[in-house]
């Protein structure tokens, strides 16, 4: 049962990090977020937005 719960939590975290980083990237492109979030790597991944989203997610887990 623990494996099922752990898998569900990791899957949810993965999808939310993807969605959050793309949201921040889009907001930065439209001028609603800082411009440093628009940087993408050679594969098209918004790397700075990904870092920001990951740090915020980690801080949220720490509050538990």
Protein backbone atom coordinates (compact mmCIF):
# COMPACT_ATOMS: atom_id res chain seq x y z
CA UNK A 1 0.00 0.00 0.00
CA UNK A 2 2.86 2.37 0.76
CA UNK A 3 4.27 1.83 -2.73
CA UNK A 4 0.95 2.82 -4.28
CA UNK A 5 0.76 6.00 -2.23
CA UNK A 6 4.39 6.89 -2.95
CA UNK A 7 3.89 6.32 -6.68
CA UNK A 8 0.78 8.52 -6.66
CA UNK A 9 2.58 11.32 -4.81
CA UNK A 10 5.56 11.24 -7.16
CA UNK A 11 3.33 11.19 -10.23
CA UNK A 12 1.35 14.17 -8.96
CA UNK A 13 4.52 16.08 -8.11
CA UNK A 14 5.94 15.40 -11.58
CA UNK A 15 2.85 16.66 -13.38
CA UNK A 16 2.58 19.73 -11.17
CA UNK A 17 6.23 20.66 -11.68
CA UNK A 18 5.70 20.38 -15.44
CA UNK A 19 2.52 22.48 -15.38
CA UNK A 20 3.96 25.04 -12.96
CA UNK A 21 7.15 25.59 -14.92
CA UNK A 22 5.25 26.01 -18.19
CA UNK A 23 2.84 28.44 -16.50
CA UNK A 24 5.70 30.56 -15.15
CA UNK A 25 7.42 30.50 -18.55
CA UNK A 26 4.25 31.64 -20.31
CA UNK A 27 3.64 34.39 -17.75
CA UNK A 28 7.23 35.60 -18.20
CA UNK A 29 6.83 35.68 -21.99
CA UNK A 30 3.71 37.84 -21.60
CA UNK A 31 5.47 40.18 -19.16
CA UNK A 32 3.60 39.11 -16.02
CA UNK A 33 6.64 37.46 -14.38
CA UNK A 34 10.37 38.26 -14.29
CA UNK A 35 12.13 37.94 -17.65
CA UNK A 36 14.81 35.54 -16.37
CA UNK A 37 12.11 32.83 -16.36
CA UNK A 38 11.94 32.87 -20.18
CA UNK A 39 15.34 31.14 -20.58
CA UNK A 40 15.07 27.72 -22.22
CA UNK A 41 17.76 25.11 -22.85
CA UNK A 42 18.54 23.51 -26.23
CA UNK A 43 15.70 20.99 -25.77
CA UNK A 44 13.13 23.74 -25.15
CA UNK A 45 12.77 23.20 -21.40
CA UNK A 46 12.22 26.42 -19.43
CA UNK A 47 15.10 25.74 -17.06
CA UNK A 48 14.84 28.76 -14.73
CA UNK A 49 11.09 28.33 -14.36
CA UNK A 50 11.68 24.65 -13.63
CA UNK A 51 14.17 25.51 -10.88
CA UNK A 52 11.82 28.04 -9.29
CA UNK A 53 8.90 25.61 -9.37
CA UNK A 54 11.02 22.81 -7.89
CA UNK A 55 12.28 24.99 -5.03
CA UNK A 56 8.76 26.16 -4.18
CA UNK A 57 7.54 22.56 -4.26
CA UNK A 58 10.34 21.44 -1.95
CA UNK A 59 9.54 24.21 0.48
CA UNK A 60 5.90 23.14 0.47
CA UNK A 61 6.90 19.57 1.36
CA UNK A 62 9.08 20.88 4.21
CA UNK A 63 6.08 22.53 5.86
CA UNK A 64 4.48 19.13 6.29
